[in-house]
């Protein structure tokens, strides 16, 4: 099962009309952008191929193993 995450309220109705199920708020992000949460993509995995981490070392390690850097997904509350 895939999940779509967005901080844009205008995107939600479009996703629902397209067949996605709204599951509510998953977390709150920090507008002051103090703690980045990185997103990586594993091109070799069929499912569960995304990882999210606030740990810079984990992020760099996954990239060294061939995961693709998808940048900062959001900023976590400290």
PDB file of N, CA and C in Angstrom:
ATOM      1  N   UNK A   1       0.843  -1.179   0.000  1.00  0.00           N
ATOM      2  CA  UNK A   1       0.000   0.000   0.000  1.00  0.00           C
ATOM      3  C   UNK A   1       0.882   1.233   0.000  1.00  0.00           C
ATOM      4  N   UNK A   2       0.619   2.121  -0.892  1.00  0.00           N
ATOM      5  CA  UNK A   2       1.365   3.374  -0.983  1.00  0.00           C
ATOM      6  C   UNK A   2       0.659   4.464  -0.207  1.00  0.00           C
ATOM      7  N   UNK A   3       1.431   5.443   0.193  1.00  0.00           N
ATOM      8  CA  UNK A   3       0.904   6.611   0.892  1.00  0.00           C
ATOM      9  C   UNK A   3       1.415   7.860   0.196  1.00  0.00           C
ATOM     10  N   UNK A   4       0.568   8.854   0.091  1.00  0.00           N
ATOM     11  CA  UNK A   4       0.979  10.150  -0.429  1.00  0.00           C
ATOM     12  C   UNK A   4       1.005  11.117   0.743  1.00  0.00           C
ATOM     13  N   UNK A   5       2.042  11.893   0.837  1.00  0.00           N
ATOM     14  CA  UNK A   5       2.128  12.904   1.891  1.00  0.00           C
ATOM     15  C   UNK A   5       2.274  14.264   1.237  1.00  0.00           C
ATOM     16  N   UNK A   6       1.574  15.230   1.781  1.00  0.00           N
ATOM     17  CA  UNK A   6       1.652  16.577   1.241  1.00  0.00           C
ATOM     18  C   UNK A   6       1.349  17.586   2.343  1.00  0.00           C
ATOM     19  N   UNK A   7       1.960  18.720   2.253  1.00  0.00           N
ATOM     20  CA  UNK A   7       1.657  19.830   3.145  1.00  0.00           C
ATOM     21  C   UNK A   7       0.703  20.815   2.500  1.00  0.00           C
ATOM     22  N   UNK A   8       0.252  20.491   1.311  1.00  0.00           N
ATOM     23  CA  UNK A   8      -0.619  21.379   0.549  1.00  0.00           C
ATOM     24  C   UNK A   8      -2.071  20.912   0.664  1.00  0.00           C
ATOM     25  N   UNK A   9      -2.891  21.699   1.331  1.00  0.00           N
ATOM     26  CA  UNK A   9      -4.301  21.332   1.507  1.00  0.00           C
ATOM     27  C   UNK A   9      -5.051  21.225   0.182  1.00  0.00           C
ATOM     28  N   UNK A  10      -4.632  21.992  -0.812  1.00  0.00           N
ATOM     29  CA  UNK A  10      -5.311  21.971  -2.105  1.00  0.00           C
ATOM     30  C   UNK A  10      -5.089  20.658  -2.854  1.00  0.00           C
ATOM     31  N   UNK A  11      -4.035  19.935  -2.510  1.00  0.00           N
ATOM     32  CA  UNK A  11      -3.731  18.669  -3.176  1.00  0.00           C
ATOM     33  C   UNK A  11      -4.638  17.545  -2.697  1.00  0.00           C
ATOM     34  N   UNK A  12      -5.057  17.599  -1.451  1.00  0.00           N
ATOM     35  CA  UNK A  12      -5.845  16.517  -0.847  1.00  0.00           C
ATOM     36  C   UNK A  12      -7.097  16.142  -1.651  1.00  0.00           C
ATOM     37  N   UNK A  13      -7.954  17.077  -2.023  1.00  0.00           N
ATOM     38  CA  UNK A  13      -9.163  16.688  -2.778  1.00  0.00           C
ATOM     39  C   UNK A  13      -8.834  16.011  -4.114  1.00  0.00           C
ATOM     40  N   UNK A  14      -7.789  16.450  -4.758  1.00  0.00           N
ATOM     41  CA  UNK A  14      -7.385  15.840  -6.033  1.00  0.00           C
ATOM     42  C   UNK A  14      -6.971  14.388  -5.827  1.00  0.00           C
ATOM     43  N   UNK A  15      -6.227  14.124  -4.763  1.00  0.00           N
ATOM     44  CA  UNK A  15      -5.811  12.753  -4.467  1.00  0.00           C
ATOM     45  C   UNK A  15      -7.012  11.870  -4.134  1.00  0.00           C
ATOM     46  N   UNK A  16      -7.949  12.404  -3.358  1.00  0.00           N
ATOM     47  CA  UNK A  16      -9.145  11.633  -2.968  1.00  0.00           C
ATOM     48  C   UNK A  16      -9.971  11.280  -4.204  1.00  0.00           C
ATOM     49  N   UNK A  17     -10.170  12.250  -5.085  1.00  0.00           N
ATOM     50  CA  UNK A  17     -10.918  11.988  -6.322  1.00  0.00           C
ATOM     51  C   UNK A  17     -10.196  10.937  -7.158  1.00  0.00           C
ATOM     52  N   UNK A  18      -8.870  10.912  -7.090  1.00  0.00           N
ATOM     53  CA  UNK A  18      -8.081   9.947  -7.834  1.00  0.00           C
ATOM     54  C   UNK A  18      -8.041   8.557  -7.208  1.00  0.00           C
ATOM     55  N   UNK A  19      -8.740   8.375  -6.071  1.00  0.00           N
ATOM     56  CA  UNK A  19      -8.825   7.053  -5.465  1.00  0.00           C
ATOM     57  C   UNK A  19      -8.034   6.866  -4.178  1.00  0.00           C
ATOM     58  N   UNK A  20      -7.328   7.889  -3.748  1.00  0.00           N
ATOM     59  CA  UNK A  20      -6.573   7.790  -2.497  1.00  0.00           C
ATOM     60  C   UNK A  20      -7.516   7.920  -1.306  1.00  0.00           C
ATOM     61  N   UNK A  21      -7.161   7.328  -0.180  1.00  0.00           N
ATOM     62  CA  UNK A  21      -7.948   7.418   1.049  1.00  0.00           C
ATOM     63  C   UNK A  21      -7.294   8.424   1.984  1.00  0.00           C
ATOM     64  N   UNK A  22      -8.077   9.378   2.461  1.00  0.00           N
ATOM     65  CA  UNK A  22      -7.552  10.365   3.403  1.00  0.00           C
ATOM     66  C   UNK A  22      -7.451   9.725   4.778  1.00  0.00           C
ATOM     67  N   UNK A  23      -6.267   9.738   5.373  1.00  0.00           N
ATOM     68  CA  UNK A  23      -6.026   9.106   6.668  1.00  0.00           C
ATOM     69  C   UNK A  23      -5.808  10.105   7.799  1.00  0.00           C
ATOM     70  N   UNK A  24      -6.001  11.361   7.532  1.00  0.00           N
ATOM     71  CA  UNK A  24      -5.827  12.356   8.577  1.00  0.00           C
ATOM     72  C   UNK A  24      -4.404  12.897   8.623  1.00  0.00           C
ATOM     73  N   UNK A  25      -4.137  13.699   9.630  1.00  0.00           N
ATOM     74  CA  UNK A  25      -2.824  14.312   9.800  1.00  0.00           C
ATOM     75  C   UNK A  25      -1.863  13.272  10.360  1.00  0.00           C
ATOM     76  N   UNK A  26      -0.736  13.104   9.690  1.00  0.00           N
ATOM     77  CA  UNK A  26       0.266  12.123  10.118  1.00  0.00           C
ATOM     78  C   UNK A  26       1.259  12.703  11.107  1.00  0.00           C
ATOM     79  N   UNK A  27       1.560  13.975  11.007  1.00  0.00           N
ATOM     80  CA  UNK A  27       2.507  14.659  11.889  1.00  0.00           C
ATOM     81  C   UNK A  27       2.426  16.150  11.618  1.00  0.00           C
ATOM     82  N   UNK A  28       3.052  16.910  12.486  1.00  0.00           N
ATOM     83  CA  UNK A  28       3.167  18.354  12.306  1.00  0.00           C
ATOM     84  C   UNK A  28       4.617  18.691  12.014  1.00  0.00           C
ATOM     85  N   UNK A  29       4.844  19.579  11.080  1.00  0.00           N
ATOM     86  CA  UNK A  29       6.200  19.974  10.752  1.00  0.00           C
ATOM     87  C   UNK A  29       6.515  21.326  11.378  1.00  0.00           C
ATOM     88  N   UNK A  30       7.782  21.680  11.328  1.00  0.00           N
ATOM     89  CA  UNK A  30       8.277  22.887  11.974  1.00  0.00           C
ATOM     90  C   UNK A  30       8.563  23.952  10.923  1.00  0.00           C
ATOM     91  N   UNK A  31       7.787  25.019  10.934  1.00  0.00           N
ATOM     92  CA  UNK A  31       7.967  26.091   9.959  1.00  0.00           C
ATOM     93  C   UNK A  31       9.280  26.843  10.127  1.00  0.00           C
ATOM     94  N   UNK A  32       9.930  26.720  11.297  1.00  0.00           N
ATOM     95  CA  UNK A  32      11.206  27.412  11.503  1.00  0.00           C
ATOM     96  C   UNK A  32      12.364  26.646  10.881  1.00  0.00           C
ATOM     97  N   UNK A  33      12.082  25.443  10.382  1.00  0.00           N
ATOM     98  CA  UNK A  33      13.046  24.646   9.627  1.00  0.00           C
ATOM     99  C   UNK A  33      14.327  24.377  10.410  1.00  0.00           C
ATOM    100  N   UNK A  34      14.187  23.897  11.634  1.00  0.00           N
ATOM    101  CA  UNK A  34      15.363  23.654  12.465  1.00  0.00           C
ATOM    102  C   UNK A  34      15.891  22.228  12.388  1.00  0.00           C
ATOM    103  N   UNK A  35      15.050  21.213  12.109  1.00  0.00           N
ATOM    104  CA  UNK A  35      15.500  19.827  12.100  1.00  0.00           C
ATOM    105  C   UNK A  35      15.019  19.146  10.818  1.00  0.00           C
ATOM    106  N   UNK A  36      15.878  19.067   9.789  1.00  0.00           N
ATOM    107  CA  UNK A  36      15.456  18.456   8.533  1.00  0.00           C
ATOM    108  C   UNK A  36      15.241  16.951   8.651  1.00  0.00           C
ATOM    109  N   UNK A  37      14.221  16.470   7.968  1.00  0.00           N
ATOM    110  CA  UNK A  37      13.975  15.033   7.825  1.00  0.00           C
ATOM    111  C   UNK A  37      14.231  14.718   6.354  1.00  0.00           C
ATOM    112  N   UNK A  38      15.217  13.862   6.117  1.00  0.00           N
ATOM    113  CA  UNK A  38      15.639  13.530   4.761  1.00  0.00           C
ATOM    114  C   UNK A  38      14.833  12.354   4.219  1.00  0.00           C
ATOM    115  N   UNK A  39      14.667  12.337   2.911  1.00  0.00           N
ATOM    116  CA  UNK A  39      13.954  11.246   2.242  1.00  0.00           C
ATOM    117  C   UNK A  39      14.901  10.604   1.238  1.00  0.00           C
ATOM    118  N   UNK A  40      14.969   9.270   1.275  1.00  0.00           N
ATOM    119  CA  UNK A  40      15.773   8.513   0.332  1.00  0.00           C
ATOM    120  C   UNK A  40      14.892   7.494  -0.379  1.00  0.00           C
ATOM    121  N   UNK A  41      15.282   7.151  -1.606  1.00  0.00           N
ATOM    122  CA  UNK A  41      14.545   6.192  -2.425  1.00  0.00           C
ATOM    123  C   UNK A  41      15.471   5.054  -2.820  1.00  0.00           C
ATOM    124  N   UNK A  42      15.021   3.817  -2.614  1.00  0.00           N
ATOM    125  CA  UNK A  42      15.791   2.635  -3.001  1.00  0.00           C
ATOM    126  C   UNK A  42      15.272   2.153  -4.359  1.00  0.00           C
ATOM    127  N   UNK A  43      16.034   2.380  -5.430  1.00  0.00           N
ATOM    128  CA  UNK A  43      15.565   2.005  -6.764  1.00  0.00           C
ATOM    129  C   UNK A  43      15.528   0.496  -6.988  1.00  0.00           C
ATOM    130  N   UNK A  44      16.102  -0.280  -6.079  1.00  0.00           N
ATOM    131  CA  UNK A  44      16.154  -1.734  -6.231  1.00  0.00           C
ATOM    132  C   UNK A  44      15.048  -2.465  -5.486  1.00  0.00           C
ATOM    133  N   UNK A  45      14.227  -1.747  -4.757  1.00  0.00           N
ATOM    134  CA  UNK A  45      13.166  -2.370  -3.957  1.00  0.00           C
ATOM    135  C   UNK A  45      11.831  -2.247  -4.681  1.00  0.00           C
ATOM    136  N   UNK A  46      11.039  -3.321  -4.625  1.00  0.00           N
ATOM    137  CA  UNK A  46       9.718  -3.309  -5.249  1.00  0.00           C
ATOM    138  C   UNK A  46       8.703  -2.562  -4.378  1.00  0.00           C
ATOM    139  N   UNK A  47       8.797  -2.735  -3.079  1.00  0.00           N
ATOM    140  CA  UNK A  47       7.872  -2.088  -2.137  1.00  0.00           C
ATOM    141  C   UNK A  47       8.664  -1.554  -0.953  1.00  0.00           C
ATOM    142  N   UNK A  48       8.048  -0.684  -0.199  1.00  0.00           N
ATOM    143  CA  UNK A  48       8.711  -0.084   0.973  1.00  0.00           C
ATOM    144  C   UNK A  48      10.063   0.497   0.574  1.00  0.00           C
ATOM    145  N   UNK A  49      10.067   1.251  -0.508  1.00  0.00           N
ATOM    146  CA  UNK A  49      11.324   1.719  -1.057  1.00  0.00           C
ATOM    147  C   UNK A  49      11.688   3.154  -0.698  1.00  0.00           C
ATOM    148  N   UNK A  50      10.997   3.730   0.275  1.00  0.00           N
ATOM    149  CA  UNK A  50      11.363   5.057   0.760  1.00  0.00           C
ATOM    150  C   UNK A  50      11.762   4.973   2.226  1.00  0.00           C
ATOM    151  N   UNK A  51      12.700   5.810   2.591  1.00  0.00           N
ATOM    152  CA  UNK A  51      13.131   5.921   3.985  1.00  0.00           C
ATOM    153  C   UNK A  51      13.109   7.393   4.361  1.00  0.00           C
ATOM    154  N   UNK A  52      12.725   7.656   5.581  1.00  0.00           N
ATOM    155  CA  UNK A  52      12.749   9.015   6.128  1.00  0.00           C
ATOM    156  C   UNK A  52      13.603   8.990   7.380  1.00  0.00           C
ATOM    157  N   UNK A  53      14.510   9.948   7.507  1.00  0.00           N
ATOM    158  CA  UNK A  53      15.351  10.007   8.692  1.00  0.00           C
ATOM    159  C   UNK A  53      15.788  11.431   8.977  1.00  0.00           C
ATOM    160  N   UNK A  54      15.929  11.732  10.260  1.00  0.00           N
ATOM    161  CA  UNK A  54      16.501  13.007  10.686  1.00  0.00           C
ATOM    162  C   UNK A  54      17.978  12.833  11.026  1.00  0.00           C
ATOM    163  N   UNK A  55      18.465  11.610  10.909  1.00  0.00           N
ATOM    164  CA  UNK A  55      19.859  11.281  11.226  1.00  0.00           C
ATOM    165  C   UNK A  55      20.725  11.480   9.982  1.00  0.00           C
ATOM    166  N   UNK A  56      21.585  12.483  10.003  1.00  0.00           N
ATOM    167  CA  UNK A  56      22.436  12.794   8.857  1.00  0.00           C
ATOM    168  C   UNK A  56      23.343  11.628   8.492  1.00  0.00           C
ATOM    169  N   UNK A  57      23.874  10.921   9.496  1.00  0.00           N
ATOM    170  CA  UNK A  57      24.753   9.781   9.214  1.00  0.00           C
ATOM    171  C   UNK A  57      24.000   8.652   8.513  1.00  0.00           C
ATOM    172  N   UNK A  58      22.775   8.364   8.952  1.00  0.00           N
ATOM    173  CA  UNK A  58      21.970   7.334   8.284  1.00  0.00           C
ATOM    174  C   UNK A  58      21.706   7.740   6.837  1.00  0.00           C
ATOM    175  N   UNK A  59      21.371   8.996   6.646  1.00  0.00           N
ATOM    176  CA  UNK A  59      21.096   9.519   5.308  1.00  0.00           C
ATOM    177  C   UNK A  59      22.307   9.304   4.400  1.00  0.00           C
ATOM    178  N   UNK A  60      23.481   9.706   4.852  1.00  0.00           N
ATOM    179  CA  UNK A  60      24.700   9.572   4.053  1.00  0.00           C
ATOM    180  C   UNK A  60      25.042   8.102   3.804  1.00  0.00           C
ATOM    181  N   UNK A  61      24.830   7.244   4.798  1.00  0.00           N
ATOM    182  CA  UNK A  61      25.121   5.818   4.640  1.00  0.00           C
ATOM    183  C   UNK A  61      24.236   5.195   3.571  1.00  0.00           C
ATOM    184  N   UNK A  62      22.939   5.487   3.608  1.00  0.00           N
ATOM    185  CA  UNK A  62      22.032   4.941   2.601  1.00  0.00           C
ATOM    186  C   UNK A  62      22.410   5.405   1.198  1.00  0.00           C
ATOM    187  N   UNK A  63      22.804   6.665   1.078  1.00  0.00           N
ATOM    188  CA  UNK A  63      23.219   7.172  -0.232  1.00  0.00           C
ATOM    189  C   UNK A  63      24.462   6.430  -0.720  1.00  0.00           C
ATOM    190  N   UNK A  64      25.368   6.094   0.202  1.00  0.00           N
ATOM    191  CA  UNK A  64      26.579   5.362  -0.190  1.00  0.00           C
ATOM    192  C   UNK A  64      26.259   3.940  -0.642  1.00  0.00           C
ATOM    193  N   UNK A  65      25.095   3.402  -0.231  1.00  0.00           N
ATOM    194  CA  UNK A  65      24.659   2.068  -0.636  1.00  0.00           C
ATOM    195  C   UNK A  65      23.852   2.080  -1.933  1.00  0.00           C
ATOM    196  N   UNK A  66      23.677   3.264  -2.527  1.00  0.00           N
ATOM    197  CA  UNK A  66      22.968   3.346  -3.800  1.00  0.00           C
ATOM    198  C   UNK A  66      21.561   3.907  -3.728  1.00  0.00           C
ATOM    199  N   UNK A  67      21.097   4.243  -2.525  1.00  0.00           N
ATOM    200  CA  UNK A  67      19.790   4.892  -2.414  1.00  0.00           C
ATOM    201  C   UNK A  67      19.895   6.267  -3.068  1.00  0.00           C
ATOM    202  N   UNK A  68      18.787   6.765  -3.591  1.00  0.00           N
ATOM    203  CA  UNK A  68      18.748   8.061  -4.261  1.00  0.00           C
ATOM    204  C   UNK A  68      18.288   9.140  -3.279  1.00  0.00           C
ATOM    205  N   UNK A  69      18.980  10.254  -3.285  1.00  0.00           N
ATOM    206  CA  UNK A  69      18.660  11.375  -2.410  1.00  0.00           C
ATOM    207  C   UNK A  69      17.452  12.127  -2.959  1.00  0.00           C
ATOM    208  N   UNK A  70      16.391  12.204  -2.174  1.00  0.00           N
ATOM    209  CA  UNK A  70      15.209  12.968  -2.586  1.00  0.00           C
ATOM    210  C   UNK A  70      15.067  14.257  -1.781  1.00  0.00           C
ATOM    211  N   UNK A  71      16.146  14.632  -1.108  1.00  0.00           N
ATOM    212  CA  UNK A  71      16.171  15.914  -0.420  1.00  0.00           C
ATOM    213  C   UNK A  71      15.469  15.902   0.920  1.00  0.00           C
ATOM    214  N   UNK A  72      15.113  17.077   1.373  1.00  0.00           N
ATOM    215  CA  UNK A  72      14.430  17.239   2.658  1.00  0.00           C
ATOM    216  C   UNK A  72      12.932  17.080   2.432  1.00  0.00           C
ATOM    217  N   UNK A  73      12.345  16.141   3.164  1.00  0.00           N
ATOM    218  CA  UNK A  73      10.907  15.892   3.026  1.00  0.00           C
ATOM    219  C   UNK A  73      10.090  16.920   3.809  1.00  0.00           C
ATOM    220  N   UNK A  74      10.555  17.228   5.015  1.00  0.00           N
ATOM    221  CA  UNK A  74       9.914  18.216   5.871  1.00  0.00           C
ATOM    222  C   UNK A  74      10.864  18.523   7.011  1.00  0.00           C
ATOM    223  N   UNK A  75      10.455  19.390   7.892  1.00  0.00           N
ATOM    224  CA  UNK A  75      11.250  19.736   9.065  1.00  0.00           C
ATOM    225  C   UNK A  75      10.494  19.284  10.305  1.00  0.00           C
ATOM    226  N   UNK A  76      11.175  18.503  11.138  1.00  0.00           N
ATOM    227  CA  UNK A  76      10.558  17.960  12.348  1.00  0.00           C
ATOM    228  C   UNK A  76      10.589  18.979  13.475  1.00  0.00           C
ATOM    229  N   UNK A  77       9.692  18.788  14.415  1.00  0.00           N
ATOM    230  CA  UNK A  77       9.743  19.594  15.632  1.00  0.00           C
ATOM    231  C   UNK A  77      10.896  19.084  16.481  1.00  0.00           C
ATOM    232  N   UNK A  78      11.639  19.972  17.062  1.00  0.00           N
ATOM    233  CA  UNK A  78      12.799  19.578  17.884  1.00  0.00           C
ATOM    234  C   UNK A  78      12.352  19.014  19.210  1.00  0.00           C
TER     235      UNK A  78
END
